[in-house]
Amino acid sequence: MSVDRWLIVGLGNPGQEYVGNRHNAGRMVAECLAARIGARFKRHRARADIAEGMLAGEPVTLAIAHAYMNLSGGPVAGLRDFYKIPPGRIVVVHDDLDLPFGEVRLKRGGGAGGHNGLRSVTAALGSPDYFRVRFGIGRPPGRMDPAVFVLRDFSAAERKELPLVIDRSADAVEALVRDGLDRAQNAFHAPA
């Protein structure tokens, strides 16, 4: 068993008014993972709530920042420094407009793709070389501004599927920690 801790961050916005928003998909996955490992979130001085435990036989710290999405890098860097975790042991779970609703993809590194949370995390860490679990939320309808779309709650039809997609995203994080990126990608990128 590795003694190296994983830091798994679910991106989202703090506050009750954002709870069901598409932009909070990452937070939803972090909460699902905390329930799986039987851990409760508690405040951390890095301006985040954390839950600690074992996931797939590995020590993990699950985190949800107290900062808004576009400022989430500060808390992530604070936790990285506190636990002395290298980028290769950091997983960021986030909503992704470029994937249809329900699709889950994994990758390491890359650009922010217009995602302000990823931009903030990359700037604060000084490296894009962390893992991402991408939670597909689909494109906005018609000419709706993507910034408006991500701050809307999931539709009624999406909410019916949402628990399954959250679970599948949590499974993807678990597979990444247990099996590594290549095997996790093979499992989750195959056509369903």
Protein backbone atom coordinates (compact mmCIF):
# COMPACT_ATOMS: atom_id res chain seq x y z
CA MET A 1 0.00 0.00 0.00
CA SER A 2 1.28 3.42 -0.93
CA VAL A 3 1.83 5.99 1.80
CA ASP A 4 1.48 8.75 -0.78
CA ARG A 5 -1.79 10.59 -0.28
CA TRP A 6 -4.12 11.55 -3.11
CA LEU A 7 -5.86 14.93 -3.14
CA ILE A 8 -9.24 14.73 -4.89
CA VAL A 9 -10.97 18.07 -5.40
CA GLY A 10 -14.57 18.52 -6.51
CA LEU A 11 -14.95 21.92 -8.14
CA GLY A 12 -18.07 24.02 -7.55
CA ASN A 13 -19.43 27.15 -5.94
CA PRO A 14 -20.18 27.52 -2.22
CA GLY A 15 -23.65 28.47 -1.02
CA GLN A 16 -27.14 26.93 -1.02
CA GLU A 17 -28.22 28.77 -4.19
CA TYR A 18 -25.62 26.82 -6.24
CA VAL A 19 -26.15 23.33 -4.84
CA GLY A 20 -28.01 21.86 -7.83
CA ASN A 21 -26.13 23.81 -10.55
CA ARG A 22 -24.34 22.07 -13.39
CA HIS A 23 -21.18 23.91 -12.30
CA ASN A 24 -21.34 21.99 -9.00
CA ALA A 25 -21.04 18.53 -10.58
CA GLY A 26 -17.51 18.16 -9.17
CA ARG A 27 -18.73 18.91 -5.64
CA MET A 28 -21.48 16.32 -6.05
CA VAL A 29 -18.90 13.68 -6.96
CA ALA A 30 -16.69 14.61 -3.98
CA GLU A 31 -19.72 14.27 -1.68
CA CYS A 32 -20.52 10.86 -3.22
CA LEU A 33 -16.93 9.70 -2.64
CA ALA A 34 -17.03 10.90 0.98
CA ALA A 35 -20.21 8.85 1.54
CA ARG A 36 -18.51 5.80 -0.03
CA ILE A 37 -15.53 5.97 2.31
CA GLY A 38 -17.68 6.83 5.34
CA ALA A 39 -16.00 10.20 5.92
CA ARG A 40 -17.52 13.52 6.92
CA PHE A 41 -16.37 16.88 5.64
CA LYS A 42 -14.75 19.24 8.14
CA ARG A 43 -13.27 22.70 7.79
CA HIS A 44 -9.60 23.05 6.91
CA ARG A 45 -7.50 26.19 7.24
CA ALA A 46 -6.82 26.13 3.47
CA ARG A 47 -10.37 27.55 2.93
CA ALA A 48 -11.83 24.18 2.06
CA ASP A 49 -13.86 21.37 3.58
CA ILE A 50 -11.99 18.07 3.62
CA ALA A 51 -12.88 14.44 4.25
CA GLU A 52 -10.16 11.84 4.75
CA GLY A 53 -10.07 8.09 4.45
CA MET A 54 -9.08 5.18 2.25
CA LEU A 55 -10.25 4.86 -1.36
CA ALA A 56 -9.23 1.81 -3.40
CA GLY A 57 -6.63 1.01 -0.72
CA GLU A 58 -5.03 4.46 -0.95
CA PRO A 59 -5.12 7.34 1.57
CA VAL A 60 -7.14 10.21 0.13
CA THR A 61 -8.14 13.72 1.08
CA LEU A 62 -11.39 14.77 -0.59
CA ALA A 63 -11.81 18.53 -0.82
CA ILE A 64 -14.44 21.12 -1.63
CA ALA A 65 -13.20 24.73 -1.75
CA HIS A 66 -14.96 27.54 0.11
CA ALA A 67 -13.98 29.85 -2.76
CA TYR A 68 -16.04 30.51 -5.87
CA MET A 69 -15.16 28.49 -8.96
CA ASN A 70 -12.90 31.14 -10.53
CA LEU A 71 -10.89 31.38 -7.26
CA SER A 72 -10.71 27.69 -6.41
CA GLY A 73 -6.99 27.42 -7.17
CA GLY A 74 -5.98 29.09 -3.88
CA PRO A 75 -7.56 26.44 -1.64
CA VAL A 76 -6.26 23.63 -3.90
CA ALA A 77 -2.69 25.00 -3.71
CA GLY A 78 -3.10 25.45 0.06
CA LEU A 79 -4.03 21.78 0.46
CA ARG A 80 -1.22 20.72 -1.86
CA ASP A 81 1.26 22.62 0.29
CA PHE A 82 -0.22 21.38 3.58
CA TYR A 83 -0.04 17.71 2.53
CA LYS A 84 3.02 18.12 0.25
CA ILE A 85 1.23 16.41 -2.65
CA PRO A 86 2.80 16.42 -6.14
CA PRO A 87 0.60 17.25 -9.18
CA GLY A 88 0.65 13.56 -10.18
CA ARG A 89 -1.42 12.74 -7.06
CA ILE A 90 -4.01 15.49 -7.54
CA VAL A 91 -7.38 14.77 -9.17
CA VAL A 92 -9.76 17.61 -10.05
CA VAL A 93 -13.37 16.64 -10.81
CA HIS A 94 -15.21 19.25 -12.87
CA ASP A 95 -18.16 19.91 -15.15
CA ASP A 96 -17.39 19.92 -18.89
CA LEU A 97 -19.47 21.68 -21.57
CA ASP A 98 -17.66 19.82 -24.36
CA LEU A 99 -18.99 16.42 -23.30
CA PRO A 100 -22.62 15.35 -23.67
CA PHE A 101 -24.53 15.02 -20.41
CA GLY A 102 -23.67 11.74 -18.74
CA GLU A 103 -20.29 11.18 -20.36
CA VAL A 104 -17.25 10.81 -18.11
CA ARG A 105 -13.69 11.24 -19.35
CA LEU A 106 -10.29 11.19 -17.64
CA LYS A 107 -7.06 12.89 -18.62
CA ARG A 108 -3.86 14.34 -17.25
CA GLY A 109 -2.72 17.85 -18.08
CA GLY A 110 -4.01 20.05 -20.87
CA GLY A 111 -5.57 23.47 -21.09
CA ALA A 112 -8.48 24.97 -19.21
CA GLY A 113 -10.83 24.87 -22.22
CA GLY A 114 -12.56 28.04 -21.03
CA HIS A 115 -13.22 26.55 -17.57
CA ASN A 116 -12.45 29.24 -14.97
CA GLY A 117 -12.02 26.71 -12.18
CA LEU A 118 -9.35 24.81 -14.12
CA ARG A 119 -7.67 28.08 -15.10
CA SER A 120 -7.50 29.07 -11.42
CA VAL A 121 -6.20 25.66 -10.28
CA THR A 122 -3.52 25.53 -12.99
CA ALA A 123 -2.34 29.07 -12.18
CA ALA A 124 -2.24 28.40 -8.42
CA LEU A 125 -0.45 25.05 -8.79
CA GLY A 126 1.94 26.49 -11.37
CA SER A 127 1.35 23.39 -13.52
CA PRO A 128 -1.43 21.87 -15.62
CA ASP A 129 -0.01 18.39 -14.93
CA TYR A 130 -2.75 17.10 -12.61
CA PHE A 131 -5.49 14.58 -13.35
CA ARG A 132 -8.95 15.67 -14.42
CA VAL A 133 -12.19 13.71 -14.26
CA ARG A 134 -14.51 15.46 -16.69
CA PHE A 135 -18.25 15.27 -15.94
CA GLY A 136 -20.21 15.96 -19.15
CA ILE A 137 -22.98 18.54 -18.82
CA GLY A 138 -23.59 19.17 -22.54
CA ARG A 139 -23.85 22.43 -24.45
CA PRO A 140 -26.31 25.22 -23.67
CA PRO A 141 -29.47 25.27 -25.79
CA GLY A 142 -29.81 27.79 -28.60
CA ARG A 143 -27.86 30.96 -28.00
CA MET A 144 -27.78 30.74 -24.21
CA ASP A 145 -24.56 32.08 -22.75
CA PRO A 146 -22.47 29.17 -21.38
CA ALA A 147 -21.83 31.25 -18.22
CA VAL A 148 -25.61 31.31 -17.61
CA PHE A 149 -26.05 27.62 -18.50
CA VAL A 150 -23.48 26.31 -16.00
CA LEU A 151 -25.16 28.24 -13.17
CA ARG A 152 -28.56 26.67 -13.92
CA ASP A 153 -29.76 23.52 -12.18
CA PHE A 154 -29.80 20.26 -14.10
CA SER A 155 -33.04 19.78 -16.06
CA ALA A 156 -35.80 17.49 -14.76
CA ALA A 157 -34.80 14.81 -17.27
CA GLU A 158 -31.11 15.14 -16.31
CA ARG A 159 -31.97 14.97 -12.59
CA LYS A 160 -33.45 11.50 -13.15
CA GLU A 161 -30.08 10.32 -14.49
CA LEU A 162 -27.91 12.47 -12.22
CA PRO A 163 -27.36 9.93 -9.40
CA LEU A 164 -26.10 7.39 -11.96
CA VAL A 165 -23.73 9.92 -13.58
CA ILE A 166 -22.40 11.04 -10.18
CA ASP A 167 -21.84 7.39 -9.27
CA ARG A 168 -20.10 6.69 -12.57
CA SER A 169 -17.84 9.72 -12.09
CA ALA A 170 -17.00 8.53 -8.57
CA ASP A 171 -16.23 5.09 -10.05
CA ALA A 172 -13.88 6.79 -12.53
CA VAL A 173 -12.00 8.54 -9.70
CA GLU A 174 -11.73 5.24 -7.83
CA ALA A 175 -10.47 3.45 -10.96
CA LEU A 176 -7.87 6.18 -11.54
CA VAL A 177 -6.54 5.86 -7.98
CA ARG A 178 -6.59 2.04 -8.07
CA ASP A 179 -5.56 1.21 -11.65
CA GLY A 180 -3.82 4.29 -13.09
CA LEU A 181 -4.85 6.54 -15.95
CA ASP A 182 -4.52 4.15 -18.91
CA ARG A 183 -6.65 1.40 -17.41
CA ALA A 184 -9.22 3.88 -16.09
CA GLN A 185 -9.48 5.52 -19.53
CA ASN A 186 -9.93 2.11 -21.17
CA ALA A 187 -12.77 1.32 -18.76
CA PHE A 188 -14.58 4.66 -18.96
CA HIS A 189 -13.92 5.84 -22.51
CA ALA A 190 -15.30 2.70 -24.15
CA PRO A 191 -18.71 3.15 -25.75
CA ALA A 192 -21.40 2.30 -23.20
